[in-house]
N, C-alpha and C. Protein backbone atom coordinates (compact mmCIF):
# COMPACT_ATOMS: atom_id res chain seq x y z
N MET A 1 -16.25 -18.30 -13.95
CA MET A 1 -16.69 -16.98 -13.53
C MET A 1 -15.70 -16.33 -12.58
N PRO A 2 -15.20 -17.02 -11.54
CA PRO A 2 -14.25 -16.35 -10.65
C PRO A 2 -13.00 -15.86 -11.38
N ALA A 3 -12.52 -16.59 -12.37
CA ALA A 3 -11.33 -16.16 -13.10
C ALA A 3 -11.61 -14.86 -13.85
N ARG A 4 -12.78 -14.73 -14.42
CA ARG A 4 -13.15 -13.50 -15.15
C ARG A 4 -13.22 -12.33 -14.17
N GLU A 5 -13.82 -12.56 -13.02
CA GLU A 5 -13.92 -11.49 -12.02
C GLU A 5 -12.54 -11.11 -11.51
N LEU A 6 -11.68 -12.09 -11.32
CA LEU A 6 -10.32 -11.81 -10.88
C LEU A 6 -9.58 -11.00 -11.94
N GLN A 7 -9.77 -11.34 -13.19
CA GLN A 7 -9.13 -10.59 -14.28
C GLN A 7 -9.60 -9.14 -14.27
N GLU A 8 -10.89 -8.92 -14.00
CA GLU A 8 -11.42 -7.56 -13.93
C GLU A 8 -10.75 -6.78 -12.80
N ARG A 9 -10.54 -7.43 -11.66
CA ARG A 9 -9.89 -6.76 -10.53
C ARG A 9 -8.42 -6.47 -10.84
N LEU A 10 -7.77 -7.39 -11.54
CA LEU A 10 -6.39 -7.15 -11.95
C LEU A 10 -6.31 -5.95 -12.89
N ASN A 11 -7.27 -5.86 -13.80
CA ASN A 11 -7.32 -4.70 -14.70
C ASN A 11 -7.51 -3.41 -13.91
N SER A 12 -8.36 -3.47 -12.89
CA SER A 12 -8.58 -2.31 -12.03
C SER A 12 -7.30 -1.93 -11.30
N LEU A 13 -6.57 -2.92 -10.80
CA LEU A 13 -5.30 -2.67 -10.13
C LEU A 13 -4.33 -1.98 -11.07
N ARG A 14 -4.23 -2.49 -12.28
CA ARG A 14 -3.31 -1.89 -13.25
C ARG A 14 -3.70 -0.44 -13.57
N GLU A 15 -5.01 -0.20 -13.69
CA GLU A 15 -5.47 1.17 -13.95
C GLU A 15 -5.08 2.09 -12.81
N GLN A 16 -5.23 1.62 -11.57
CA GLN A 16 -4.85 2.43 -10.42
C GLN A 16 -3.35 2.72 -10.44
N LEU A 17 -2.56 1.73 -10.77
CA LEU A 17 -1.11 1.92 -10.81
C LEU A 17 -0.70 2.88 -11.93
N ASP A 18 -1.46 2.87 -13.02
CA ASP A 18 -1.16 3.76 -14.14
C ASP A 18 -1.56 5.21 -13.88
N ARG A 19 -2.35 5.43 -12.84
CA ARG A 19 -2.79 6.80 -12.52
C ARG A 19 -1.79 7.52 -11.63
N ASN A 20 -0.56 7.14 -11.70
CA ASN A 20 0.50 7.81 -10.95
C ASN A 20 0.26 7.80 -9.44
N VAL A 21 -0.06 6.64 -8.91
CA VAL A 21 -0.17 6.48 -7.47
C VAL A 21 1.20 6.81 -6.89
N PRO A 22 1.26 7.59 -5.81
CA PRO A 22 2.57 7.99 -5.29
C PRO A 22 3.31 6.83 -4.61
N LEU A 23 3.89 5.97 -5.43
CA LEU A 23 4.67 4.84 -4.95
C LEU A 23 6.06 4.93 -5.56
N SER A 24 7.00 4.30 -4.90
CA SER A 24 8.35 4.25 -5.47
C SER A 24 8.36 3.31 -6.66
N GLU A 25 9.39 3.43 -7.47
CA GLU A 25 9.53 2.54 -8.63
C GLU A 25 9.59 1.08 -8.18
N GLU A 26 10.25 0.84 -7.06
CA GLU A 26 10.36 -0.52 -6.53
C GLU A 26 8.99 -1.06 -6.12
N GLU A 27 8.19 -0.23 -5.47
CA GLU A 27 6.85 -0.65 -5.06
C GLU A 27 5.97 -0.92 -6.28
N LEU A 28 6.02 -0.02 -7.26
CA LEU A 28 5.24 -0.22 -8.48
C LEU A 28 5.65 -1.50 -9.19
N ALA A 29 6.94 -1.72 -9.29
CA ALA A 29 7.44 -2.92 -9.96
C ALA A 29 6.98 -4.17 -9.21
N GLY A 30 7.00 -4.14 -7.88
CA GLY A 30 6.56 -5.28 -7.09
C GLY A 30 5.09 -5.59 -7.30
N LEU A 31 4.26 -4.57 -7.32
CA LEU A 31 2.82 -4.78 -7.53
C LEU A 31 2.55 -5.26 -8.95
N ARG A 32 3.25 -4.72 -9.91
CA ARG A 32 3.07 -5.17 -11.30
C ARG A 32 3.50 -6.63 -11.45
N GLU A 33 4.54 -7.02 -10.74
CA GLU A 33 4.99 -8.41 -10.79
C GLU A 33 3.96 -9.33 -10.14
N GLU A 34 3.38 -8.91 -9.02
CA GLU A 34 2.31 -9.70 -8.39
C GLU A 34 1.15 -9.90 -9.37
N ALA A 35 0.76 -8.83 -10.04
CA ALA A 35 -0.33 -8.91 -11.01
C ALA A 35 0.02 -9.86 -12.15
N ARG A 36 1.27 -9.80 -12.62
CA ARG A 36 1.71 -10.68 -13.69
C ARG A 36 1.67 -12.14 -13.25
N GLN A 37 2.08 -12.42 -12.03
CA GLN A 37 2.05 -13.79 -11.53
C GLN A 37 0.63 -14.31 -11.38
N ILE A 38 -0.27 -13.46 -10.92
CA ILE A 38 -1.67 -13.86 -10.78
C ILE A 38 -2.26 -14.15 -12.15
N GLU A 39 -1.97 -13.28 -13.10
CA GLU A 39 -2.49 -13.49 -14.46
C GLU A 39 -1.94 -14.78 -15.07
N ALA A 40 -0.68 -15.07 -14.83
CA ALA A 40 -0.10 -16.32 -15.33
C ALA A 40 -0.80 -17.51 -14.72
N GLN A 41 -1.13 -17.42 -13.45
CA GLN A 41 -1.84 -18.50 -12.77
C GLN A 41 -3.23 -18.70 -13.39
N ILE A 42 -3.90 -17.61 -13.70
CA ILE A 42 -5.23 -17.70 -14.32
C ILE A 42 -5.11 -18.38 -15.68
N LYS A 43 -4.13 -17.96 -16.48
CA LYS A 43 -3.98 -18.51 -17.82
C LYS A 43 -3.67 -20.00 -17.80
N LEU A 44 -2.94 -20.43 -16.80
CA LEU A 44 -2.65 -21.86 -16.68
C LEU A 44 -3.86 -22.65 -16.20
N GLU A 45 -4.84 -21.94 -15.66
CA GLU A 45 -6.07 -22.54 -15.12
C GLU A 45 -5.76 -23.63 -14.12
N GLU A 46 -4.75 -23.36 -13.32
CA GLU A 46 -4.42 -24.29 -12.25
C GLU A 46 -5.13 -23.83 -10.98
N VAL A 47 -5.73 -24.75 -10.32
CA VAL A 47 -6.38 -24.42 -9.06
C VAL A 47 -5.66 -25.07 -7.89
N SER A 48 -4.42 -25.42 -8.11
CA SER A 48 -3.63 -25.95 -7.01
C SER A 48 -3.19 -24.79 -6.13
N PRO A 49 -3.14 -25.00 -4.83
CA PRO A 49 -2.78 -23.91 -3.93
C PRO A 49 -1.39 -23.36 -4.24
N ASP A 50 -1.28 -22.06 -4.23
CA ASP A 50 0.00 -21.39 -4.41
C ASP A 50 0.09 -20.31 -3.34
N ASN A 51 0.52 -20.72 -2.16
CA ASN A 51 0.55 -19.81 -1.02
C ASN A 51 1.48 -18.62 -1.26
N ASN A 52 2.52 -18.80 -2.03
CA ASN A 52 3.44 -17.70 -2.29
C ASN A 52 2.73 -16.55 -3.01
N LEU A 53 1.83 -16.88 -3.91
CA LEU A 53 1.09 -15.88 -4.65
C LEU A 53 0.22 -15.06 -3.69
N VAL A 54 -0.57 -15.72 -2.88
CA VAL A 54 -1.45 -15.04 -1.93
C VAL A 54 -0.62 -14.30 -0.88
N ASP A 55 0.46 -14.92 -0.42
CA ASP A 55 1.31 -14.28 0.58
C ASP A 55 1.88 -12.96 0.05
N GLY A 56 2.29 -12.96 -1.21
CA GLY A 56 2.82 -11.73 -1.80
C GLY A 56 1.80 -10.61 -1.84
N VAL A 57 0.56 -10.95 -2.19
CA VAL A 57 -0.49 -9.94 -2.23
C VAL A 57 -0.82 -9.47 -0.81
N ASN A 58 -0.83 -10.40 0.15
CA ASN A 58 -1.07 -10.02 1.56
C ASN A 58 0.00 -9.05 2.06
N LEU A 59 1.25 -9.29 1.70
CA LEU A 59 2.32 -8.38 2.10
C LEU A 59 2.11 -6.99 1.50
N ALA A 60 1.65 -6.95 0.26
CA ALA A 60 1.38 -5.66 -0.37
C ALA A 60 0.25 -4.93 0.36
N VAL A 61 -0.77 -5.67 0.78
CA VAL A 61 -1.88 -5.07 1.53
C VAL A 61 -1.33 -4.43 2.81
N GLU A 62 -0.53 -5.18 3.54
CA GLU A 62 0.02 -4.65 4.78
C GLU A 62 0.87 -3.41 4.54
N ARG A 63 1.62 -3.40 3.47
CA ARG A 63 2.52 -2.29 3.20
C ARG A 63 1.77 -1.02 2.79
N PHE A 64 0.65 -1.15 2.08
CA PHE A 64 -0.02 0.01 1.51
C PHE A 64 -1.32 0.41 2.19
N GLU A 65 -1.79 -0.35 3.19
CA GLU A 65 -3.13 -0.10 3.71
C GLU A 65 -3.31 1.26 4.35
N VAL A 66 -2.29 1.83 4.95
CA VAL A 66 -2.44 3.12 5.61
C VAL A 66 -2.46 4.27 4.61
N ASP A 67 -1.54 4.26 3.68
CA ASP A 67 -1.40 5.39 2.77
C ASP A 67 -2.20 5.29 1.48
N HIS A 68 -2.63 4.09 1.11
CA HIS A 68 -3.32 3.90 -0.18
C HIS A 68 -4.54 2.99 0.00
N PRO A 69 -5.60 3.50 0.62
CA PRO A 69 -6.77 2.66 0.91
C PRO A 69 -7.47 2.10 -0.33
N ASP A 70 -7.54 2.86 -1.42
CA ASP A 70 -8.20 2.36 -2.64
C ASP A 70 -7.42 1.19 -3.23
N LEU A 71 -6.12 1.34 -3.28
CA LEU A 71 -5.26 0.28 -3.78
C LEU A 71 -5.38 -0.96 -2.90
N THR A 72 -5.41 -0.75 -1.60
CA THR A 72 -5.54 -1.86 -0.65
C THR A 72 -6.86 -2.59 -0.83
N ALA A 73 -7.93 -1.85 -1.06
CA ALA A 73 -9.24 -2.48 -1.26
C ALA A 73 -9.21 -3.38 -2.49
N THR A 74 -8.57 -2.92 -3.55
CA THR A 74 -8.46 -3.74 -4.76
C THR A 74 -7.64 -4.99 -4.48
N LEU A 75 -6.53 -4.84 -3.78
CA LEU A 75 -5.69 -5.99 -3.45
C LEU A 75 -6.44 -7.01 -2.59
N ARG A 76 -7.21 -6.52 -1.63
CA ARG A 76 -7.99 -7.43 -0.78
C ARG A 76 -9.04 -8.19 -1.60
N ASP A 77 -9.64 -7.50 -2.54
CA ASP A 77 -10.62 -8.16 -3.40
C ASP A 77 -9.94 -9.24 -4.24
N ILE A 78 -8.74 -8.97 -4.70
CA ILE A 78 -7.99 -9.97 -5.46
C ILE A 78 -7.72 -11.19 -4.59
N ILE A 79 -7.33 -10.97 -3.34
CA ILE A 79 -7.09 -12.09 -2.41
C ILE A 79 -8.36 -12.92 -2.25
N THR A 80 -9.48 -12.26 -2.07
CA THR A 80 -10.76 -12.96 -1.91
C THR A 80 -11.06 -13.82 -3.12
N ARG A 81 -10.83 -13.28 -4.29
CA ARG A 81 -11.11 -14.03 -5.53
C ARG A 81 -10.12 -15.19 -5.70
N LEU A 82 -8.89 -14.99 -5.32
CA LEU A 82 -7.93 -16.10 -5.37
C LEU A 82 -8.37 -17.23 -4.45
N HIS A 83 -8.82 -16.87 -3.25
CA HIS A 83 -9.30 -17.89 -2.32
C HIS A 83 -10.52 -18.62 -2.87
N SER A 84 -11.42 -17.89 -3.52
CA SER A 84 -12.62 -18.54 -4.06
C SER A 84 -12.29 -19.48 -5.21
N MET A 85 -11.13 -19.26 -5.84
CA MET A 85 -10.68 -20.14 -6.93
C MET A 85 -9.85 -21.31 -6.39
N GLY A 86 -9.59 -21.27 -5.09
CA GLY A 86 -8.79 -22.35 -4.50
C GLY A 86 -7.30 -22.12 -4.63
N ILE A 87 -6.92 -20.91 -4.91
CA ILE A 87 -5.48 -20.59 -5.06
C ILE A 87 -4.98 -19.98 -3.78
């Protein structure tokens, strides 16, 4: 169940990014790469800790929390779901 919910949040993140959020190409590419890495982790169904994955999403939260609150809320939800999966 947590993997399905996480996938739903990733889909929501992608939809937000596709709606022309005012981000630089570098920022968009970074967020898309984070989403790709999270999805790869889900597909592998590994529940071993991967601090780099969570750290990357945390950095994105810090970078976007002031200017993009909706995006930040989605990223925080993704972090919560990763933690509940043991990642």
